[in-house]
């Protein structure tokens, strides 16, 4: 006769005690894991801004006149153009695409608006609108169609487009420098201020708020993030991936063209290949931003912090007498540190 297992209350009580003991043994682990996750999340949100604060303190102690009002105004003015470009680039990177035609777009916008207002004496507003349409919108549309609808690689497409734009700078300017003849109102706006705040800084802030609202509060912004997360899943969910990419490239090129136009008014001169050099600073700002606030995600607030880090670094090094070329070395190092930091934080959050 088979012997059945005991089902007595005592046996059950013993099993319950064993289970309770096992639960008690593992109970302290859960709060520990939660604390580690919270620390990793906090470090991801404020780590890079803390680096920015530390840099300000270091330069304030080592660089004469770093905190002078005139120098603070210079820092924000120098950050305005890279901010405009980096804000547009953030949109493109959010979709998981790259745009390497930024220098070409900015340079051609500077040349086109300079030819229209300084050589052809066109009225300022029509000249600016024509420049933004023919350079910003058309180039962005071309990039978007080639990448979104034809499925070409964005890196290759935008490198090719950039090369063509650099050539057009020589064609449109007739390989001659454009100097003088800029309308007074155009120059006054580009160089002017509202109180102590430069106009171009105010415009950069307005553009940042507008693009942030677009990414965070509109259907198009949510579609861009969906495409960047998983394009195929977004397509299955009903998102028109190709059209979304076209809009992203247009926004990126348009904001870059805005920076190029204002650069012409500020410099009152233009010559092929002598426009804004925004490629490395913009990418550095965006990737530093991806290690800020929303670790692993491109975001407007983080991008602006990245721009300020790059600008303050260049300004502080100049004030303490470091050669200009060192700025590029430092920007590259900062980018590597930011990427490493983001990777470490992501690993800690995954482990927690």
Protein backbone atom coordinates (compact mmCIF):
# COMPACT_ATOMS: atom_id res chain seq x y z
CA UNK A 1 0.00 0.00 0.00
CA UNK A 2 1.30 3.34 -0.91
CA UNK A 3 2.00 5.83 1.82
CA UNK A 4 0.37 9.20 1.20
CA UNK A 5 2.25 12.35 2.12
CA UNK A 6 1.27 13.91 5.37
CA UNK A 7 -1.27 16.70 5.09
CA UNK A 8 -1.42 17.50 8.76
CA UNK A 9 -1.73 21.09 9.96
CA UNK A 10 1.70 20.78 11.51
CA UNK A 11 3.23 19.96 8.13
CA UNK A 12 1.50 22.92 6.54
CA UNK A 13 2.64 25.18 9.34
CA UNK A 14 6.20 24.04 8.84
CA UNK A 15 5.97 24.81 5.11
CA UNK A 16 4.48 28.22 5.82
CA UNK A 17 7.31 29.01 8.21
CA UNK A 18 9.85 27.99 5.59
CA UNK A 19 8.16 30.22 3.00
CA UNK A 20 8.02 33.09 5.45
CA UNK A 21 11.69 32.64 6.23
CA UNK A 22 12.56 32.76 2.55
CA UNK A 23 10.47 35.92 2.12
CA UNK A 24 12.12 37.56 5.12
CA UNK A 25 15.54 36.71 3.75
CA UNK A 26 14.89 38.43 0.43
CA UNK A 27 12.84 41.36 1.76
CA UNK A 28 15.78 43.78 2.37
CA UNK A 29 16.95 43.35 -1.24
CA UNK A 30 13.97 45.16 -2.78
CA UNK A 31 14.48 48.53 -1.02
CA UNK A 32 18.21 48.33 -1.84
CA UNK A 33 17.46 47.82 -5.52
CA UNK A 34 15.00 50.72 -5.46
CA UNK A 35 17.55 53.03 -3.86
CA UNK A 36 20.15 52.10 -6.46
CA UNK A 37 17.68 52.76 -9.28
CA UNK A 38 16.73 56.12 -7.76
CA UNK A 39 20.38 57.14 -7.40
CA UNK A 40 21.13 56.13 -11.00
CA UNK A 41 18.10 58.07 -12.25
CA UNK A 42 19.06 61.15 -10.24
CA UNK A 43 22.65 60.96 -11.45
CA UNK A 44 21.41 60.76 -15.04
CA UNK A 45 19.18 63.82 -14.64
CA UNK A 46 21.61 66.17 -12.91
CA UNK A 47 25.09 64.76 -13.58
CA UNK A 48 25.91 66.86 -16.65
CA UNK A 49 24.35 70.08 -15.24
CA UNK A 50 26.56 69.59 -12.19
CA UNK A 51 29.57 69.38 -14.52
CA UNK A 52 28.43 72.69 -16.05
CA UNK A 53 28.24 74.30 -12.61
CA UNK A 54 31.68 72.92 -11.74
CA UNK A 55 33.13 74.38 -14.95
CA UNK A 56 31.68 77.80 -14.12
CA UNK A 57 33.24 77.67 -10.66
CA UNK A 58 36.64 76.62 -12.02
CA UNK A 59 36.75 79.35 -14.68
CA UNK A 60 35.46 81.94 -12.22
CA UNK A 61 38.46 81.16 -10.01
CA UNK A 62 41.07 80.86 -12.76
CA UNK A 63 39.99 83.24 -15.54
CA UNK A 64 39.99 86.98 -14.97
CA UNK A 65 36.72 88.77 -15.80
CA UNK A 66 34.95 85.46 -16.51
CA UNK A 67 31.93 86.59 -14.47
CA UNK A 68 32.00 90.16 -15.80
CA UNK A 69 28.72 91.29 -17.31
CA UNK A 70 30.26 91.89 -20.72
CA UNK A 71 31.75 88.39 -20.81
CA UNK A 72 28.49 86.74 -19.73
CA UNK A 73 26.77 88.58 -22.59
CA UNK A 74 29.49 87.34 -24.95
CA UNK A 75 28.97 83.74 -23.80
CA UNK A 76 25.23 83.82 -24.48
CA UNK A 77 25.74 85.59 -27.81
CA UNK A 78 28.30 82.99 -28.90
CA UNK A 79 25.91 80.21 -27.83
CA UNK A 80 22.95 81.56 -29.80
CA UNK A 81 23.90 80.33 -33.28
CA UNK A 82 25.01 76.83 -32.21
CA UNK A 83 21.81 76.59 -30.15
CA UNK A 84 19.59 77.27 -33.16
CA UNK A 85 21.38 74.64 -35.22
CA UNK A 86 21.54 72.09 -32.40
CA UNK A 87 17.82 72.50 -31.67
CA UNK A 88 17.02 71.54 -35.25
CA UNK A 89 19.55 68.72 -35.17
CA UNK A 90 17.89 67.36 -32.02
CA UNK A 91 14.72 66.85 -34.05
CA UNK A 92 16.63 64.89 -36.69
CA UNK A 93 18.47 62.75 -34.13
CA UNK A 94 15.19 62.07 -32.31
CA UNK A 95 14.05 60.27 -35.47
CA UNK A 96 17.25 58.20 -35.49
CA UNK A 97 18.70 60.05 -38.50
CA UNK A 98 21.83 62.15 -39.04
CA UNK A 99 22.30 65.38 -40.97
CA UNK A 100 25.86 66.26 -42.02
CA UNK A 101 24.85 69.11 -44.34
CA UNK A 102 24.64 71.68 -41.53
CA UNK A 103 27.74 73.68 -42.48
CA UNK A 104 26.66 73.77 -46.11
CA UNK A 105 23.14 74.96 -45.23
CA UNK A 106 24.36 77.67 -42.86
CA UNK A 107 27.06 78.86 -45.27
CA UNK A 108 24.77 78.97 -48.30
CA UNK A 109 22.09 80.85 -46.32
CA UNK A 110 24.70 83.46 -45.39
CA UNK A 111 25.77 83.83 -49.02
CA UNK A 112 22.25 83.94 -50.49
CA UNK A 113 20.85 86.56 -48.10
CA UNK A 114 24.05 88.63 -48.48
CA UNK A 115 23.78 88.63 -52.27
CA UNK A 116 20.11 89.59 -52.12
CA UNK A 117 20.39 92.47 -49.65
CA UNK A 118 23.95 93.75 -50.24
CA UNK A 119 24.40 93.28 -53.99
CA UNK A 120 20.86 93.27 -55.33
CA UNK A 121 19.53 95.72 -52.69
CA UNK A 122 16.39 93.70 -52.08
CA UNK A 123 14.21 94.56 -49.09
CA UNK A 124 15.27 92.71 -45.96
CA UNK A 125 12.14 90.71 -45.14
CA UNK A 126 11.54 89.36 -48.68
CA UNK A 127 15.25 88.49 -48.92
CA UNK A 128 15.13 86.57 -45.64
CA UNK A 129 11.96 84.72 -46.63
CA UNK A 130 13.42 83.76 -50.02
CA UNK A 131 16.60 82.53 -48.35
CA UNK A 132 14.76 80.44 -45.77
CA UNK A 133 12.53 78.96 -48.48
CA UNK A 134 15.22 78.21 -51.08
CA UNK A 135 17.90 77.05 -48.67
CA UNK A 136 16.19 75.89 -45.49
CA UNK A 137 13.00 74.33 -46.83
CA UNK A 138 14.27 73.09 -50.20
CA UNK A 139 17.45 71.46 -48.83
CA UNK A 140 15.53 69.88 -45.95
CA UNK A 141 12.88 68.64 -48.36
CA UNK A 142 15.53 67.12 -50.62
CA UNK A 143 17.23 65.37 -47.71
CA UNK A 144 13.90 64.10 -46.42
CA UNK A 145 12.72 62.78 -49.78
CA UNK A 146 15.99 60.98 -50.46
CA UNK A 147 16.14 59.43 -46.99
CA UNK A 148 12.45 59.00 -46.18
CA UNK A 149 10.97 57.96 -49.51
CA UNK A 150 13.92 56.49 -51.41
CA UNK A 151 15.40 54.83 -48.35
CA UNK A 152 18.94 56.11 -48.92
CA UNK A 153 21.43 56.27 -46.06
CA UNK A 154 21.18 59.66 -44.32
CA UNK A 155 24.93 59.94 -43.71
CA UNK A 156 25.79 59.47 -47.38
CA UNK A 157 22.96 61.67 -48.63
CA UNK A 158 23.74 64.62 -46.36
CA UNK A 159 27.48 64.41 -47.04
CA UNK A 160 26.74 64.60 -50.77
CA UNK A 161 24.26 67.44 -50.29
CA UNK A 162 26.75 69.34 -48.14
CA UNK A 163 29.38 69.07 -50.86
CA UNK A 164 26.95 70.44 -53.43
CA UNK A 165 25.95 73.33 -51.16
CA UNK A 166 29.59 74.33 -50.67
CA UNK A 167 29.95 74.47 -54.44
CA UNK A 168 26.84 76.63 -54.78
CA UNK A 169 28.41 79.14 -52.37
CA UNK A 170 31.05 79.87 -55.01
CA UNK A 171 28.51 79.95 -57.85
CA UNK A 172 26.09 82.36 -56.17
CA UNK A 173 28.79 84.66 -54.77
CA UNK A 174 30.79 84.46 -58.04
CA UNK A 175 33.78 83.54 -55.84
CA UNK A 176 33.91 87.10 -54.54
CA UNK A 177 33.69 88.48 -51.04
CA UNK A 178 30.53 90.34 -50.12
CA UNK A 179 31.29 93.26 -47.85
CA UNK A 180 29.17 96.25 -46.88
CA UNK A 181 25.81 97.34 -48.22
CA UNK A 182 23.74 95.47 -45.63
CA UNK A 183 20.49 97.22 -44.58
CA UNK A 184 20.78 99.09 -41.31
CA UNK A 185 17.68 97.48 -39.82
CA UNK A 186 18.97 93.98 -40.60
CA UNK A 187 22.31 94.69 -38.94
CA UNK A 188 20.68 96.40 -35.98
CA UNK A 189 18.48 93.41 -35.29
CA UNK A 190 21.31 90.89 -35.58
CA UNK A 191 23.59 92.93 -33.32
CA UNK A 192 20.98 94.56 -31.10
CA UNK A 193 19.60 93.78 -27.67
CA UNK A 194 16.47 94.10 -25.61
CA UNK A 195 17.94 95.56 -22.47
CA UNK A 196 20.99 93.41 -21.65
CA UNK A 197 19.75 90.41 -23.63
CA UNK A 198 20.87 90.11 -27.30
CA UNK A 199 18.11 89.68 -29.86
CA UNK A 200 19.61 86.49 -31.23
CA UNK A 201 19.60 84.97 -27.74
CA UNK A 202 15.91 85.81 -27.35
CA UNK A 203 15.19 84.24 -30.75
CA UNK A 204 17.15 81.11 -29.82
CA UNK A 205 15.10 80.73 -26.62
CA UNK A 206 11.83 81.20 -28.56
CA UNK A 207 12.87 78.56 -31.09
CA UNK A 208 13.88 76.18 -28.28
CA UNK A 209 10.48 76.55 -26.60
CA UNK A 210 8.63 76.11 -29.90
CA UNK A 211 10.52 72.93 -30.84
CA UNK A 212 10.20 71.56 -27.29
CA UNK A 213 6.43 72.04 -27.48
CA UNK A 214 6.39 70.38 -30.90
CA UNK A 215 8.31 67.33 -29.67
CA UNK A 216 6.50 66.94 -26.36
CA UNK A 217 2.96 68.17 -27.00
CA UNK A 218 2.06 67.48 -30.64
CA UNK A 219 1.19 64.43 -32.68
CA UNK A 220 4.11 65.11 -35.03
CA UNK A 221 6.53 65.14 -32.12
CA UNK A 222 5.21 61.86 -30.77
CA UNK A 223 5.46 60.35 -34.24
CA UNK A 224 9.08 61.49 -34.51
CA UNK A 225 9.93 59.81 -31.22
CA UNK A 226 8.10 56.68 -32.32
CA UNK A 227 10.08 56.59 -35.58
CA UNK A 228 13.31 57.03 -33.67
CA UNK A 229 12.40 54.26 -31.24
CA UNK A 230 11.37 51.70 -33.84
CA UNK A 231 10.50 52.80 -37.37
CA UNK A 232 8.91 49.49 -38.34
CA UNK A 233 6.73 49.38 -35.23
CA UNK A 234 5.72 53.00 -35.88
CA UNK A 235 4.77 52.09 -39.45
CA UNK A 236 2.65 49.16 -38.24
CA UNK A 237 0.97 51.51 -35.75
CA UNK A 238 -0.10 53.76 -38.60
CA UNK A 239 2.62 56.42 -38.61
CA UNK A 240 3.65 57.70 -42.04
CA UNK A 241 7.37 57.22 -41.42
CA UNK A 242 8.54 58.75 -44.71
CA UNK A 243 6.50 61.92 -44.29
CA UNK A 244 7.61 62.26 -40.67
CA UNK A 245 11.26 62.10 -41.71
CA UNK A 246 10.69 64.75 -44.36
CA UNK A 247 9.29 67.13 -41.75
CA UNK A 248 12.19 66.40 -39.42
CA UNK A 249 14.82 67.21 -42.07
CA UNK A 250 12.95 70.38 -43.07
CA UNK A 251 12.89 71.63 -39.48
CA UNK A 252 16.60 70.85 -39.07
CA UNK A 253 17.62 72.68 -42.27
CA UNK A 254 15.26 75.59 -41.65
CA UNK A 255 16.66 76.37 -38.20
CA UNK A 256 20.19 76.06 -39.56
CA UNK A 257 19.31 78.52 -42.34
CA UNK A 258 17.94 80.94 -39.73
CA UNK A 259 21.31 80.86 -37.98
CA UNK A 260 23.10 81.45 -41.29
CA UNK A 261 20.91 84.44 -42.16
CA UNK A 262 21.44 86.12 -38.78
CA UNK A 263 25.18 85.41 -38.99
CA UNK A 264 25.27 87.48 -42.20
CA UNK A 265 23.62 90.41 -40.45
CA UNK A 266 25.97 90.17 -37.49
CA UNK A 267 29.17 89.89 -39.55
CA UNK A 268 28.11 92.18 -42.44
CA UNK A 269 30.38 90.14 -44.69
CA UNK A 270 30.26 86.83 -46.53
CA UNK A 271 32.65 84.66 -48.48
CA UNK A 272 32.44 81.00 -49.58
CA UNK A 273 33.48 78.49 -46.91
CA UNK A 274 33.83 81.23 -44.28
CA UNK A 275 30.41 80.85 -42.66
CA UNK A 276 29.32 79.25 -39.43
CA UNK A 277 31.25 76.15 -38.38
CA UNK A 278 28.44 74.40 -36.53
CA UNK A 279 28.81 70.70 -37.29
CA UNK A 280 31.00 69.50 -34.41
CA UNK A 281 29.61 71.90 -31.77
CA UNK A 282 26.02 70.96 -32.64
CA UNK A 283 26.60 67.22 -32.52
CA UNK A 284 28.61 67.56 -29.32
CA UNK A 285 25.77 69.55 -27.74
CA UNK A 286 23.12 67.02 -28.80
CA UNK A 287 25.01 63.98 -27.56
CA UNK A 288 25.92 65.72 -24.31
CA UNK A 289 22.23 66.54 -24.04
CA UNK A 290 21.35 62.87 -24.48
CA UNK A 291 23.29 62.27 -21.25
CA UNK A 292 21.25 64.94 -19.46
CA UNK A 293 17.79 64.91 -17.85
CA UNK A 294 16.48 62.05 -20.06
CA UNK A 295 19.47 59.74 -20.27
CA UNK A 296 19.60 58.01 -23.63
CA UNK A 297 17.04 60.35 -25.23
CA UNK A 298 17.72 63.46 -27.26
CA UNK A 299 15.94 66.38 -25.60
CA UNK A 300 15.91 70.15 -26.07
CA UNK A 301 16.80 71.09 -22.48
CA UNK A 302 19.77 68.75 -22.51
CA UNK A 303 20.90 70.10 -25.88
CA UNK A 304 20.94 73.65 -24.52
CA UNK A 305 23.03 72.51 -21.56
CA UNK A 306 25.41 70.87 -24.03
CA UNK A 307 25.71 74.11 -26.02
CA UNK A 308 26.48 76.06 -22.87
CA UNK A 309 29.16 73.55 -21.83
CA UNK A 310 30.88 73.84 -25.22
CA UNK A 311 30.60 77.64 -25.29
CA UNK A 312 31.77 78.17 -21.72
CA UNK A 313 34.69 75.82 -22.33
CA UNK A 314 35.82 77.80 -25.38
CA UNK A 315 35.36 81.14 -23.61
CA UNK A 316 37.09 80.10 -20.41
CA UNK A 317 40.07 78.58 -22.21
CA UNK A 318 40.45 81.76 -24.27
CA UNK A 319 40.46 83.92 -21.14
CA UNK A 320 43.18 81.86 -19.47
CA UNK A 321 45.34 82.05 -22.60
CA UNK A 322 44.93 78.59 -24.11
CA UNK A 323 45.39 78.41 -27.90
CA UNK A 324 42.24 78.33 -30.05
CA UNK A 325 42.98 74.91 -31.51
CA UNK A 326 42.79 73.42 -28.01
CA UNK A 327 39.06 74.17 -28.02
CA UNK A 328 38.49 71.43 -30.60
CA UNK A 329 40.48 68.96 -28.51
CA UNK A 330 38.51 69.84 -25.39
CA UNK A 331 35.16 69.62 -27.21
CA UNK A 332 36.04 66.15 -28.47
CA UNK A 333 37.10 65.10 -24.98
CA UNK A 334 33.90 66.48 -23.45
CA UNK A 335 31.82 64.58 -26.00
CA UNK A 336 33.60 61.32 -25.18
CA UNK A 337 33.18 61.91 -21.44
CA UNK A 338 29.47 62.66 -21.90
CA UNK A 339 28.91 59.52 -23.95
CA UNK A 340 30.82 57.42 -21.43
CA UNK A 341 28.83 58.96 -18.59
CA UNK A 342 25.53 58.21 -20.33
CA UNK A 343 26.61 54.63 -20.96
CA UNK A 344 27.63 54.07 -17.33
CA UNK A 345 24.39 55.55 -16.01
CA UNK A 346 22.37 53.38 -18.41
CA UNK A 347 24.22 50.27 -17.21
CA UNK A 348 23.62 51.13 -13.55
CA UNK A 349 19.93 51.69 -14.22
CA UNK A 350 19.71 48.37 -16.08
CA UNK A 351 21.54 46.55 -13.27
CA UNK A 352 19.26 48.12 -10.67
